[in-house]
N, C-alpha and C. Protein backbone atom coordinates (compact mmCIF):
# COMPACT_ATOMS: atom_id res chain seq x y z
N MET A 1 5.82 -52.84 75.98
CA MET A 1 6.47 -52.33 74.57
C MET A 1 5.96 -50.97 74.46
N ARG A 2 6.79 -49.97 73.72
CA ARG A 2 6.50 -48.85 73.30
C ARG A 2 5.92 -48.79 72.33
N ALA A 3 5.03 -47.68 72.10
CA ALA A 3 4.21 -47.34 71.12
C ALA A 3 5.25 -46.97 70.01
N ARG A 4 4.83 -47.73 68.80
CA ARG A 4 5.39 -47.02 67.52
C ARG A 4 5.06 -45.19 67.59
N ASP A 5 5.89 -44.90 66.57
CA ASP A 5 6.31 -43.38 66.92
C ASP A 5 4.50 -43.15 65.35
N ASN A 6 4.36 -43.96 64.93
CA ASN A 6 3.16 -43.81 64.04
C ASN A 6 1.82 -43.50 64.79
N ASP A 7 1.80 -44.21 66.21
CA ASP A 7 0.65 -44.40 66.89
C ASP A 7 0.57 -43.66 67.68
N LYS A 8 1.44 -42.42 68.34
CA LYS A 8 1.49 -41.27 68.76
C LYS A 8 0.81 -40.30 68.48
N LEU A 9 0.07 -39.33 69.52
CA LEU A 9 -0.42 -38.55 69.11
C LEU A 9 -0.20 -37.09 68.65
N THR A 10 -0.70 -36.44 67.17
CA THR A 10 0.53 -35.73 66.87
C THR A 10 -0.40 -34.71 66.28
N ILE A 11 -0.09 -33.07 66.77
CA ILE A 11 -0.34 -32.32 65.93
C ILE A 11 0.33 -31.87 65.31
N VAL A 12 -0.37 -31.49 63.85
CA VAL A 12 0.24 -31.16 62.68
C VAL A 12 -0.21 -29.71 62.39
N TRP A 13 0.54 -28.78 62.44
CA TRP A 13 0.10 -27.41 62.32
C TRP A 13 0.92 -26.36 61.32
N TYR A 14 0.54 -25.15 61.13
CA TYR A 14 1.07 -24.05 60.43
C TYR A 14 -0.09 -22.71 60.54
N GLY A 15 0.89 -21.61 60.83
CA GLY A 15 -0.26 -20.24 61.11
C GLY A 15 0.47 -19.51 60.23
N LEU A 16 -0.41 -18.64 59.31
CA LEU A 16 -0.35 -17.44 58.69
C LEU A 16 -0.42 -15.62 59.19
N VAL A 17 0.48 -14.72 59.01
CA VAL A 17 0.01 -13.65 59.49
C VAL A 17 -0.22 -12.96 58.31
N ARG A 18 -1.32 -12.02 58.31
CA ARG A 18 -1.75 -11.46 56.86
C ARG A 18 -2.22 -10.17 57.51
N ASN A 19 -1.88 -9.14 56.56
CA ASN A 19 -2.78 -7.60 56.50
C ASN A 19 -4.07 -7.94 56.22
N ALA A 20 -5.20 -7.69 56.86
CA ALA A 20 -6.49 -7.19 56.76
C ALA A 20 -6.74 -6.37 56.10
N SER A 21 -6.18 -5.53 55.65
CA SER A 21 -6.82 -4.10 54.64
C SER A 21 -6.22 -4.27 53.41
N THR A 22 -5.35 -5.36 52.77
CA THR A 22 -4.78 -5.62 51.70
C THR A 22 -5.48 -6.00 50.56
N VAL A 23 -5.78 -5.49 49.47
CA VAL A 23 -6.59 -6.79 48.75
C VAL A 23 -6.08 -8.11 48.15
N ASN A 24 -4.64 -8.08 47.64
CA ASN A 24 -3.78 -9.09 47.59
C ASN A 24 -2.67 -8.92 48.55
N PRO A 25 -3.03 -10.15 49.61
CA PRO A 25 -1.98 -10.13 50.81
C PRO A 25 -1.09 -10.90 50.71
N VAL A 26 0.08 -10.47 51.09
CA VAL A 26 1.22 -11.62 51.19
C VAL A 26 1.67 -12.29 52.44
N ASP A 27 1.02 -13.51 52.58
CA ASP A 27 1.31 -14.38 53.66
C ASP A 27 2.81 -14.15 54.36
N ARG A 28 2.87 -13.96 55.53
CA ARG A 28 3.78 -14.45 56.38
C ARG A 28 3.42 -15.62 57.64
N MET A 29 4.77 -16.19 57.63
CA MET A 29 4.64 -17.60 58.87
C MET A 29 4.32 -16.82 59.84
N LEU A 30 3.71 -17.82 60.80
CA LEU A 30 3.40 -17.28 62.06
C LEU A 30 4.47 -18.13 62.74
N ARG A 31 5.50 -17.59 63.55
CA ARG A 31 6.46 -18.63 64.17
C ARG A 31 6.48 -17.95 65.76
N ASP A 32 7.29 -18.39 66.76
CA ASP A 32 7.78 -17.98 67.57
C ASP A 32 8.48 -17.06 67.50
N GLY A 33 7.86 -15.80 68.41
CA GLY A 33 8.31 -14.33 68.29
C GLY A 33 8.01 -13.61 67.18
N ALA A 34 7.19 -14.02 66.37
CA ALA A 34 6.80 -13.03 65.26
C ALA A 34 6.32 -12.25 65.63
N THR A 35 6.25 -10.39 64.93
CA THR A 35 5.61 -9.52 65.20
C THR A 35 4.39 -9.36 64.67
N VAL A 36 3.17 -9.10 65.11
CA VAL A 36 1.84 -8.82 64.69
C VAL A 36 1.58 -7.48 64.86
N SER A 37 1.11 -6.81 63.83
CA SER A 37 1.12 -5.37 63.96
C SER A 37 -0.38 -5.04 63.82
N PRO A 38 -0.45 -3.57 64.11
CA PRO A 38 -2.26 -3.17 63.53
C PRO A 38 -2.49 -3.55 62.41
N GLY A 39 -3.98 -4.07 62.70
CA GLY A 39 -4.43 -4.26 61.07
C GLY A 39 -4.13 -5.41 60.53
N GLU A 40 -3.13 -6.15 61.09
CA GLU A 40 -2.88 -7.59 60.70
C GLU A 40 -3.88 -8.55 61.64
N GLY A 41 -3.72 -9.97 61.03
CA GLY A 41 -4.81 -10.96 61.86
C GLY A 41 -3.81 -12.15 61.55
N ILE A 42 -4.09 -13.65 62.15
CA ILE A 42 -3.51 -14.59 62.05
C ILE A 42 -4.61 -15.23 61.49
N GLN A 43 -4.18 -16.74 60.63
CA GLN A 43 -4.95 -17.61 60.74
C GLN A 43 -4.21 -19.04 60.71
N LEU A 44 -4.81 -20.43 61.11
CA LEU A 44 -4.54 -20.96 61.71
C LEU A 44 -4.73 -22.40 60.69
N PHE A 45 -3.84 -23.57 60.66
CA PHE A 45 -4.35 -24.34 59.78
C PHE A 45 -3.55 -26.02 60.95
N VAL A 46 -5.00 -26.72 61.47
CA VAL A 46 -4.34 -27.82 62.21
C VAL A 46 -5.19 -29.14 61.93
N SER A 47 -4.01 -29.77 62.28
CA SER A 47 -5.01 -31.29 62.09
C SER A 47 -4.34 -32.21 63.03
N VAL A 48 -4.67 -33.58 63.45
CA VAL A 48 -4.11 -34.21 64.38
C VAL A 48 -4.38 -35.81 63.92
N LYS A 49 -3.35 -36.86 63.89
CA LYS A 49 -3.63 -38.00 63.98
C LYS A 49 -2.71 -38.73 65.20
N PRO A 50 -3.50 -39.72 65.67
CA PRO A 50 -4.99 -40.29 64.97
C PRO A 50 -5.83 -39.18 65.71
N ALA A 51 -7.23 -39.67 65.36
CA ALA A 51 -8.63 -38.68 65.92
C ALA A 51 -8.01 -38.52 67.29
N ALA A 52 -8.63 -37.18 67.71
CA ALA A 52 -8.10 -36.73 69.26
C ALA A 52 -9.37 -35.61 69.01
N PHE A 53 -8.78 -34.94 70.75
CA PHE A 53 -9.91 -34.08 70.47
C PHE A 53 -8.72 -32.68 70.49
N LEU A 54 -9.17 -31.54 69.88
CA LEU A 54 -8.51 -30.43 69.87
C LEU A 54 -9.08 -28.98 70.68
N TYR A 55 -8.13 -28.55 70.90
CA TYR A 55 -8.75 -27.16 71.49
C TYR A 55 -7.64 -26.00 71.07
N VAL A 56 -8.02 -24.99 70.77
CA VAL A 56 -7.20 -23.79 70.23
C VAL A 56 -7.70 -22.22 70.94
N ILE A 57 -6.91 -21.91 71.78
CA ILE A 57 -7.12 -21.21 72.93
C ILE A 57 -6.11 -19.74 72.39
N HIS A 58 -6.57 -18.72 72.29
CA HIS A 58 -6.00 -17.32 72.31
C HIS A 58 -6.08 -16.68 73.28
N GLN A 59 -4.50 -16.17 74.00
CA GLN A 59 -4.49 -15.44 75.27
C GLN A 59 -3.92 -13.98 74.72
N SER A 60 -4.70 -12.80 75.38
CA SER A 60 -4.00 -11.63 75.07
C SER A 60 -2.89 -11.10 76.17
N PRO A 61 -1.88 -10.28 76.18
CA PRO A 61 -1.13 -9.66 76.50
C PRO A 61 -1.72 -9.56 78.21
N THR A 62 -2.95 -9.39 78.23
CA THR A 62 -3.41 -9.07 79.85
C THR A 62 -3.62 -10.39 80.16
N GLY A 63 -3.51 -11.64 79.76
CA GLY A 63 -3.71 -13.01 80.35
C GLY A 63 -5.50 -13.48 79.79
N LEU A 64 -6.12 -12.61 79.17
CA LEU A 64 -7.28 -13.29 78.87
C LEU A 64 -7.48 -14.26 78.28
N LEU A 65 -7.85 -15.10 78.19
CA LEU A 65 -8.27 -16.39 77.33
C LEU A 65 -9.13 -16.45 76.53
N THR A 66 -9.14 -16.73 75.31
CA THR A 66 -10.49 -16.98 74.30
C THR A 66 -10.43 -18.22 73.70
N VAL A 67 -11.48 -18.76 73.79
CA VAL A 67 -11.54 -20.50 72.96
C VAL A 67 -11.96 -20.22 71.56
N TRP A 68 -11.24 -20.12 70.69
CA TRP A 68 -11.43 -20.13 69.20
C TRP A 68 -11.91 -21.56 68.79
N TRP A 69 -11.51 -22.49 69.48
CA TRP A 69 -11.80 -23.77 68.90
C TRP A 69 -11.88 -25.06 70.36
N PRO A 70 -13.15 -25.45 70.40
CA PRO A 70 -14.67 -25.63 69.61
C PRO A 70 -15.35 -24.57 70.08
N SER A 71 -16.16 -24.51 69.22
CA SER A 71 -17.14 -23.19 69.30
C SER A 71 -18.46 -23.68 70.09
N GLN A 72 -18.84 -23.07 70.90
CA GLN A 72 -20.20 -23.02 71.64
C GLN A 72 -21.33 -23.23 70.65
N SER A 73 -21.40 -23.12 69.18
CA SER A 73 -22.36 -23.10 68.56
C SER A 73 -22.58 -24.74 68.37
N SER A 74 -21.41 -25.04 68.25
CA SER A 74 -21.46 -26.48 68.05
C SER A 74 -21.53 -27.74 68.63
N GLY A 75 -21.94 -26.84 70.26
CA GLY A 75 -22.00 -27.91 71.44
C GLY A 75 -20.88 -27.96 71.81
N PHE A 76 -19.49 -27.30 71.65
CA PHE A 76 -18.76 -27.37 72.46
C PHE A 76 -18.00 -28.99 72.26
N ASN A 77 -18.34 -29.31 70.49
CA ASN A 77 -17.43 -30.43 70.51
C ASN A 77 -16.06 -30.55 69.79
N ALA A 78 -15.21 -30.71 70.51
CA ALA A 78 -13.71 -30.69 70.32
C ALA A 78 -13.14 -32.18 69.22
N TYR A 79 -13.73 -32.64 68.87
CA TYR A 79 -13.55 -34.09 68.15
C TYR A 79 -13.13 -33.57 66.85
N LEU A 80 -11.97 -34.15 66.54
CA LEU A 80 -11.22 -33.83 64.85
C LEU A 80 -10.72 -35.11 64.49
N GLU A 81 -11.32 -35.55 63.09
CA GLU A 81 -10.79 -36.61 62.61
C GLU A 81 -9.40 -36.87 62.35
N LYS A 82 -9.17 -38.02 62.15
CA LYS A 82 -7.23 -38.06 61.59
C LYS A 82 -7.21 -37.61 60.60
N GLU A 83 -6.15 -36.42 60.10
CA GLU A 83 -5.83 -35.60 59.48
C GLU A 83 -6.50 -34.53 58.88
N ARG A 84 -8.24 -34.35 58.93
CA ARG A 84 -8.76 -33.76 58.99
C ARG A 84 -8.33 -32.30 59.04
N VAL A 85 -7.85 -31.39 58.14
CA VAL A 85 -7.63 -29.92 58.40
C VAL A 85 -8.63 -29.11 58.70
N LEU A 86 -8.38 -28.58 60.33
CA LEU A 86 -9.01 -27.47 60.63
C LEU A 86 -8.49 -26.08 60.26
N THR A 87 -9.38 -25.25 59.65
CA THR A 87 -8.63 -23.79 59.29
C THR A 87 -9.70 -22.91 60.18
N LEU A 88 -8.84 -22.13 60.95
CA LEU A 88 -9.13 -21.33 61.46
C LEU A 88 -8.94 -19.64 61.74
N PRO A 89 -9.95 -18.60 60.86
CA PRO A 89 -11.16 -19.10 60.55
C PRO A 89 -11.23 -19.45 59.61
N ALA A 90 -12.59 -19.77 58.66
CA ALA A 90 -12.47 -20.06 57.54
C ALA A 90 -11.73 -19.78 56.64
N ARG A 91 -11.19 -20.54 55.37
CA ARG A 91 -10.58 -20.02 54.31
C ARG A 91 -11.21 -18.79 54.04
N GLY A 92 -9.99 -17.66 53.61
CA GLY A 92 -10.43 -16.36 52.96
C GLY A 92 -10.48 -15.66 54.16
N LYS A 93 -10.70 -15.89 55.50
CA LYS A 93 -10.66 -14.86 56.84
C LYS A 93 -9.76 -15.11 57.65
N ILE A 94 -9.41 -14.17 58.90
CA ILE A 94 -8.30 -14.16 59.44
C ILE A 94 -9.02 -13.90 60.64
N HIS A 95 -8.35 -14.03 61.95
CA HIS A 95 -8.59 -13.43 63.40
C HIS A 95 -7.83 -11.99 63.26
N VAL A 96 -8.72 -11.16 63.14
CA VAL A 96 -8.13 -9.59 62.78
C VAL A 96 -7.90 -9.48 64.77
N LEU A 97 -7.03 -9.03 65.19
CA LEU A 97 -6.52 -8.66 66.31
C LEU A 97 -6.62 -6.99 66.98
N GLY A 98 -7.11 -6.92 68.00
CA GLY A 98 -7.36 -5.36 68.34
C GLY A 98 -5.91 -4.92 69.02
N ALA A 99 -6.03 -3.61 68.87
CA ALA A 99 -4.82 -3.09 69.70
C ALA A 99 -4.36 -3.21 70.98
N ALA A 100 -3.17 -3.82 70.81
CA ALA A 100 -2.59 -4.51 72.02
C ALA A 100 -0.89 -4.49 71.79
N GLN A 101 -0.26 -4.24 72.99
CA GLN A 101 1.37 -4.39 73.24
C GLN A 101 1.33 -4.94 74.12
N GLY A 102 2.80 -6.13 73.98
CA GLY A 102 2.86 -6.73 74.44
C GLY A 102 2.93 -8.43 74.10
N THR A 103 3.10 -9.37 75.04
CA THR A 103 3.36 -10.70 74.46
C THR A 103 1.57 -11.61 74.13
N GLU A 104 1.70 -11.87 73.00
CA GLU A 104 0.11 -12.80 72.89
C GLU A 104 0.62 -14.44 72.86
N ALA A 105 -0.68 -14.94 72.84
CA ALA A 105 0.12 -16.82 72.74
C ALA A 105 -1.29 -17.23 72.11
N VAL A 106 -1.11 -18.22 71.17
CA VAL A 106 -1.93 -19.33 71.08
C VAL A 106 -1.70 -20.55 71.47
N TYR A 107 -2.72 -21.34 71.83
CA TYR A 107 -2.47 -22.84 72.63
C TYR A 107 -2.83 -23.77 72.10
N LEU A 108 -2.24 -24.79 71.27
CA LEU A 108 -3.02 -25.87 70.42
C LEU A 108 -2.77 -26.99 71.45
N ILE A 109 -3.97 -27.59 71.68
CA ILE A 109 -3.85 -29.11 72.83
C ILE A 109 -4.64 -29.72 71.99
N ALA A 110 -4.10 -31.17 72.08
CA ALA A 110 -4.85 -32.13 71.57
C ALA A 110 -4.65 -33.14 72.61
N ALA A 111 -5.86 -33.92 72.87
CA ALA A 111 -5.99 -35.18 74.14
C ALA A 111 -6.85 -36.20 73.49
N PHE A 112 -6.58 -37.35 74.11
CA PHE A 112 -7.46 -38.36 73.84
C PHE A 112 -9.02 -38.73 74.35
N LYS A 113 -8.73 -37.69 75.82
CA LYS A 113 -10.02 -37.72 76.55
C LYS A 113 -10.42 -35.98 76.22
N PRO A 114 -11.62 -35.83 76.35
CA PRO A 114 -12.30 -34.53 76.13
C PRO A 114 -12.71 -34.01 77.54
N VAL A 115 -12.56 -32.35 76.96
CA VAL A 115 -13.07 -31.54 78.13
C VAL A 115 -14.12 -31.05 77.51
N THR A 116 -15.45 -31.72 78.31
CA THR A 116 -16.68 -31.30 78.00
C THR A 116 -17.25 -29.60 78.20
N ARG A 117 -16.96 -29.69 79.08
CA ARG A 117 -17.39 -27.92 79.42
C ARG A 117 -16.43 -26.65 79.43
N VAL A 118 -16.88 -25.74 78.88
CA VAL A 118 -16.03 -24.36 78.66
C VAL A 118 -15.55 -23.97 79.91
N ASP A 119 -16.21 -24.12 81.14
CA ASP A 119 -15.86 -23.50 82.39
C ASP A 119 -15.19 -24.40 82.84
N LYS A 120 -14.62 -25.55 82.57
CA LYS A 120 -13.61 -26.49 83.18
C LYS A 120 -12.05 -26.48 82.38
N LEU A 121 -12.17 -25.77 80.98
CA LEU A 121 -11.19 -25.92 80.33
C LEU A 121 -10.25 -25.23 80.97
N THR A 122 -10.55 -23.86 81.44
CA THR A 122 -9.07 -22.86 81.95
C THR A 122 -8.50 -23.59 83.28
N LYS A 123 -9.34 -24.68 84.30
CA LYS A 123 -8.58 -25.08 85.35
C LYS A 123 -7.65 -26.27 84.81
N GLU A 124 -8.27 -26.68 83.53
CA GLU A 124 -7.53 -28.07 83.12
C GLU A 124 -6.25 -27.45 82.04
N ILE A 125 -6.62 -26.49 81.68
CA ILE A 125 -4.99 -25.90 81.27
C ILE A 125 -4.26 -25.29 82.16
N GLN A 126 -4.39 -24.59 83.11
CA GLN A 126 -3.63 -24.20 84.06
C GLN A 126 -2.79 -25.26 84.86
N TRP A 127 -3.61 -26.36 85.19
CA TRP A 127 -2.69 -27.67 85.83
C TRP A 127 -1.99 -28.19 85.00
N LEU A 128 -2.47 -28.28 83.57
CA LEU A 128 -1.31 -28.96 82.73
C LEU A 128 -0.27 -28.39 82.41
N PHE A 129 -0.44 -27.25 82.50
CA PHE A 129 0.96 -26.55 81.95
C PHE A 129 1.90 -26.38 83.15
N ALA A 130 0.97 -26.46 84.51
CA ALA A 130 1.71 -26.03 85.52
C ALA A 130 2.49 -27.41 85.71
N SER A 131 2.11 -28.54 85.69
CA SER A 131 2.80 -29.77 85.82
C SER A 131 3.81 -29.98 84.52
N ALA A 132 3.36 -29.67 83.30
CA ALA A 132 4.70 -29.64 82.55
C ALA A 132 5.52 -29.14 82.66
N GLN A 133 5.31 -27.31 83.34
CA GLN A 133 6.25 -26.67 83.68
C GLN A 133 7.34 -27.42 84.92
N ALA A 134 6.77 -28.10 85.68
CA ALA A 134 7.43 -28.68 86.96
C ALA A 134 8.34 -29.95 86.06
N PHE A 135 7.57 -30.89 85.60
CA PHE A 135 8.43 -32.00 84.91
C PHE A 135 9.67 -31.31 84.27
N GLY A 136 9.62 -30.39 83.20
CA GLY A 136 10.27 -29.78 82.21
C GLY A 136 11.52 -29.09 83.42
N SER A 137 11.27 -28.85 84.60
CA SER A 137 12.21 -28.34 85.68
C SER A 137 13.02 -29.23 86.32
N GLY A 138 12.30 -30.58 86.21
CA GLY A 138 12.85 -31.65 86.99
C GLY A 138 12.49 -31.66 88.41
N VAL A 139 11.31 -31.52 88.41
CA VAL A 139 10.57 -31.51 89.89
C VAL A 139 10.31 -32.94 89.71
N PRO A 140 10.31 -33.73 90.92
CA PRO A 140 10.43 -35.10 90.78
C PRO A 140 8.77 -35.54 91.01
N ALA A 141 8.44 -36.34 90.40
CA ALA A 141 7.16 -36.80 89.89
C ALA A 141 5.85 -37.16 91.24
N ARG A 142 6.53 -37.57 92.28
CA ARG A 142 5.90 -37.43 93.49
C ARG A 142 5.33 -36.31 93.94
N GLN A 143 6.06 -35.19 93.84
CA GLN A 143 5.90 -34.14 94.25
C GLN A 143 4.91 -33.34 93.48
N VAL A 144 4.87 -33.60 91.89
CA VAL A 144 4.25 -33.12 91.04
C VAL A 144 2.39 -33.58 91.32
N LYS A 145 2.78 -34.78 91.44
CA LYS A 145 1.26 -35.52 91.43
C LYS A 145 0.28 -35.25 93.04
N GLN A 146 1.51 -34.63 94.11
CA GLN A 146 0.78 -34.21 95.13
C GLN A 146 0.25 -33.13 95.17
N MET A 147 0.87 -32.07 93.94
CA MET A 147 0.04 -31.16 93.93
C MET A 147 -1.12 -30.73 92.97
N LEU A 148 -1.51 -31.92 92.38
CA LEU A 148 -2.47 -31.82 91.47
C LEU A 148 -3.89 -32.09 92.18
N PRO A 149 -4.80 -31.61 92.08
CA PRO A 149 -6.25 -31.35 92.35
C PRO A 149 -6.96 -33.05 91.79
N ARG A 150 -7.89 -33.53 92.40
CA ARG A 150 -8.41 -34.50 92.01
C ARG A 150 -9.30 -34.42 90.67
N GLY A 151 -9.39 -35.35 89.98
CA GLY A 151 -10.93 -34.96 88.87
C GLY A 151 -10.23 -34.49 87.86
N LEU A 152 -8.95 -34.01 87.24
CA LEU A 152 -8.40 -33.68 86.29
C LEU A 152 -8.58 -34.69 85.24
N VAL A 153 -8.92 -34.11 83.93
CA VAL A 153 -9.18 -35.23 82.90
C VAL A 153 -7.62 -35.12 82.08
N TRP A 154 -6.99 -33.84 82.12
CA TRP A 154 -5.33 -34.44 81.36
C TRP A 154 -4.39 -34.45 82.80
N ARG A 155 -3.78 -35.73 82.45
CA ARG A 155 -2.62 -35.53 83.45
C ARG A 155 -1.47 -36.04 82.71
N LEU A 156 -0.28 -35.78 83.23
CA LEU A 156 1.10 -36.21 82.37
C LEU A 156 1.70 -36.72 83.57
N ASP A 157 2.88 -37.67 83.14
CA ASP A 157 3.72 -38.25 83.68
C ASP A 157 5.02 -37.95 83.47
N ALA A 158 5.87 -38.43 84.47
CA ALA A 158 7.20 -37.92 84.50
C ALA A 158 7.71 -38.21 83.16
N ASN A 159 7.28 -39.21 82.42
CA ASN A 159 8.35 -39.67 80.93
C ASN A 159 7.71 -38.61 79.64
N THR A 160 6.76 -37.74 80.19
CA THR A 160 6.15 -36.92 78.86
C THR A 160 7.39 -35.87 78.76
N PRO A 161 7.86 -35.62 77.51
CA PRO A 161 8.72 -34.81 76.63
C PRO A 161 8.28 -33.61 76.94
N VAL A 162 8.71 -32.43 77.18
CA VAL A 162 8.37 -31.14 77.75
C VAL A 162 9.41 -30.07 77.45
N GLY A 163 8.91 -29.45 76.32
CA GLY A 163 10.13 -28.22 75.79
C GLY A 163 9.86 -26.83 76.33
N LEU A 164 11.05 -26.49 76.93
CA LEU A 164 10.77 -24.91 77.82
C LEU A 164 11.19 -23.68 76.74
N THR A 165 11.05 -22.61 76.84
CA THR A 165 11.46 -21.31 76.53
C THR A 165 12.10 -20.63 77.53
N ASP A 166 12.44 -19.36 77.29
CA ASP A 166 12.92 -18.34 78.25
C ASP A 166 11.60 -17.18 78.32
N GLN A 167 10.70 -16.98 77.53
CA GLN A 167 9.78 -16.34 77.55
C GLN A 167 8.62 -16.67 78.49
N ARG A 168 8.17 -15.52 79.10
CA ARG A 168 6.70 -15.74 79.70
C ARG A 168 5.38 -15.11 79.62
N VAL A 169 4.69 -15.98 79.73
CA VAL A 169 3.10 -15.22 79.66
C VAL A 169 2.45 -16.22 80.88
N PRO A 170 1.06 -15.51 81.26
CA PRO A 170 0.59 -16.34 82.32
C PRO A 170 0.30 -17.44 81.68
N VAL A 171 -0.43 -18.53 82.78
CA VAL A 171 -0.88 -19.88 82.64
C VAL A 171 0.51 -20.90 82.07
N ALA A 172 0.77 -20.44 80.77
CA ALA A 172 2.06 -21.46 80.32
C ALA A 172 2.99 -21.33 81.04
N THR A 173 3.79 -19.93 81.43
CA THR A 173 4.79 -19.91 81.77
C THR A 173 5.81 -20.12 81.27
N THR A 174 7.18 -21.00 80.96
CA THR A 174 7.57 -21.02 79.84
C THR A 174 7.60 -22.25 79.36
N VAL A 175 6.63 -22.89 79.01
CA VAL A 175 6.33 -23.95 78.45
C VAL A 175 6.11 -23.81 76.81
N ARG A 176 7.11 -24.25 76.11
CA ARG A 176 7.03 -24.34 74.72
C ARG A 176 5.97 -25.26 74.01
N CYS A 177 6.09 -26.57 74.53
CA CYS A 177 5.73 -27.87 73.80
C CYS A 177 5.51 -28.93 74.69
N ILE A 178 4.63 -29.63 74.86
CA ILE A 178 4.32 -30.70 75.48
C ILE A 178 4.47 -31.99 74.69
N GLY A 179 5.38 -33.12 74.41
CA GLY A 179 5.65 -33.78 73.47
C GLY A 179 7.10 -33.08 72.64
N ARG A 180 7.25 -33.61 71.37
CA ARG A 180 8.66 -33.56 70.95
C ARG A 180 8.23 -32.72 69.74
N ILE A 181 8.70 -31.60 69.37
CA ILE A 181 8.58 -31.10 67.82
C ILE A 181 9.38 -31.68 67.05
N ALA A 182 8.89 -32.01 65.77
CA ALA A 182 9.86 -32.81 64.57
C ALA A 182 9.34 -32.16 63.25
N GLY A 183 10.20 -32.16 62.60
CA GLY A 183 10.29 -31.87 61.03
C GLY A 183 9.65 -32.59 60.38
N GLY A 184 9.69 -32.40 58.77
CA GLY A 184 9.24 -33.78 57.89
C GLY A 184 7.89 -33.82 57.38
N GLY A 185 7.49 -32.76 57.67
CA GLY A 185 6.01 -32.78 57.48
C GLY A 185 5.83 -32.62 55.77
N THR A 186 4.51 -33.03 55.07
CA THR A 186 4.48 -32.84 54.12
C THR A 186 4.32 -31.26 53.71
N ALA A 187 4.49 -30.83 52.40
CA ALA A 187 4.89 -29.57 51.90
C ALA A 187 2.98 -29.52 51.38
N THR A 188 2.48 -28.19 51.89
CA THR A 188 1.17 -27.88 51.21
C THR A 188 1.09 -26.65 50.85
N SER A 189 0.12 -25.71 50.34
CA SER A 189 0.26 -24.21 49.63
C SER A 189 -0.59 -24.03 50.58
N THR A 190 -0.53 -22.37 51.02
CA THR A 190 -1.06 -21.61 51.66
C THR A 190 -2.50 -21.58 51.26
N SER A 191 -3.74 -20.67 52.04
CA SER A 191 -4.63 -20.79 51.71
C SER A 191 -5.11 -19.68 50.35
N ASP A 192 -4.51 -18.54 50.13
CA ASP A 192 -4.63 -17.52 49.16
C ASP A 192 -3.66 -17.45 48.60
N SER A 193 -2.48 -18.11 48.58
CA SER A 193 -1.48 -17.83 47.81
C SER A 193 -0.59 -18.92 47.43
N GLN A 194 0.38 -18.85 46.18
CA GLN A 194 1.18 -20.20 45.92
C GLN A 194 2.44 -20.30 46.88
N ASN A 195 2.50 -19.93 48.20
CA ASN A 195 3.24 -19.93 48.95
C ASN A 195 3.35 -21.35 49.22
N THR A 196 4.67 -22.13 49.25
CA THR A 196 4.63 -23.40 50.01
C THR A 196 4.93 -23.56 51.62
N VAL A 197 4.61 -24.22 52.45
CA VAL A 197 4.87 -23.98 54.02
C VAL A 197 5.43 -25.72 54.01
N ILE A 198 5.88 -26.28 55.02
CA ILE A 198 5.99 -27.55 56.01
C ILE A 198 5.87 -27.35 56.95
N PRO A 199 4.27 -27.85 57.41
CA PRO A 199 3.92 -27.83 58.34
C PRO A 199 5.09 -28.56 59.55
N GLU A 200 4.67 -27.92 60.86
CA GLU A 200 5.52 -28.45 62.40
C GLU A 200 4.66 -29.45 62.66
N GLN A 201 5.31 -30.50 63.09
CA GLN A 201 4.42 -31.79 64.06
C GLN A 201 5.12 -31.47 65.41
N VAL A 202 4.01 -31.91 66.43
CA VAL A 202 4.32 -32.07 67.86
C VAL A 202 3.69 -33.61 68.07
N ARG A 203 4.87 -34.43 68.68
CA ARG A 203 4.46 -35.53 68.74
C ARG A 203 4.46 -36.08 70.13
N GLY A 204 3.50 -36.85 70.97
CA GLY A 204 3.72 -36.90 72.45
C GLY A 204 2.49 -37.93 73.03
N GLY A 205 2.09 -38.09 73.81
CA GLY A 205 1.32 -39.07 74.48
C GLY A 205 -0.12 -38.90 74.40
N ASP A 206 -0.91 -39.06 75.82
CA ASP A 206 -1.82 -38.95 75.72
C ASP A 206 -2.53 -37.47 75.62
N VAL A 207 -1.30 -36.17 75.86
CA VAL A 207 -2.03 -35.22 75.97
C VAL A 207 -0.82 -34.31 75.03
N VAL A 208 -1.04 -33.57 73.94
CA VAL A 208 -0.14 -32.79 73.13
C VAL A 208 -0.23 -31.36 72.82
N ALA A 209 0.66 -30.50 73.24
CA ALA A 209 0.61 -28.98 73.07
C ALA A 209 1.38 -28.48 72.69
N ARG A 210 1.21 -27.39 71.92
CA ARG A 210 1.82 -26.35 71.36
C ARG A 210 1.93 -25.14 71.76
N VAL A 211 2.40 -24.26 72.05
CA VAL A 211 2.40 -22.61 72.77
C VAL A 211 2.82 -21.79 71.63
N ILE A 212 2.35 -21.25 70.75
CA ILE A 212 3.15 -20.10 69.92
C ILE A 212 2.74 -18.68 70.32
N ARG A 213 3.89 -18.22 70.96
CA ARG A 213 4.03 -16.84 71.35
C ARG A 213 4.14 -15.75 70.06
N PHE A 214 3.77 -14.50 70.49
CA PHE A 214 4.20 -13.70 69.24
C PHE A 214 4.04 -12.18 69.76
N GLN A 215 4.40 -11.54 69.25
CA GLN A 215 4.88 -9.70 69.67
C GLN A 215 3.96 -9.12 69.23
N ARG A 216 2.49 -8.21 70.06
CA ARG A 216 2.33 -7.14 69.16
C ARG A 216 2.58 -5.90 69.49
N GLN A 217 2.38 -4.85 68.55
CA GLN A 217 3.25 -3.58 68.78
C GLN A 217 1.63 -2.82 68.37
N LEU A 218 1.89 -1.32 68.75
CA LEU A 218 0.80 -0.65 68.52
C LEU A 218 1.22 -0.10 67.53
N ARG A 219 2.28 0.14 66.91
CA ARG A 219 2.59 0.85 65.51
C ARG A 219 3.63 0.24 64.97
């Protein structure tokens, strides 16, 4: 039997770009390929359904990974209740990004099984996106299985939908999403303005992921 669509693991998200030095900022939507200038930052709103473990990672143009969620102060607890909206950072704040030039990325990863140690997360991410890249490119499942090390928490199968893009950044290569992107989310107001947005949904199997790439410029 195939799982009903409503039972599938789903990430629901939207992001904002905002100028940190403006008293009354005007929100812009964070979309693939958006440009973030000096003095601007981003804010994310993410939920999952059903309840799952959520990981949010930022990647600089040099490939440096920073875990935005979960936090070490919370004991690296990534569990998120069904449809609870996680705001990163807290409402009224933004992740102010330092000066940089090139492509940056934010990774949203939801899974039914947790990675409980921060030092294991990078390895899991690397192999998750390597296998997604292989499946999306048509590599046979047996060959993909042979390349994976033992003991991985997150494993994909050949039936996992994978979306690819022609942009490249380290780790995720050309993976845009693990799962299928769907519309039709419930409209919601942004945090500090009256702008209305419709969140994006990414629906899949035991592991679902979305890679949002944006361009950084020095001026």
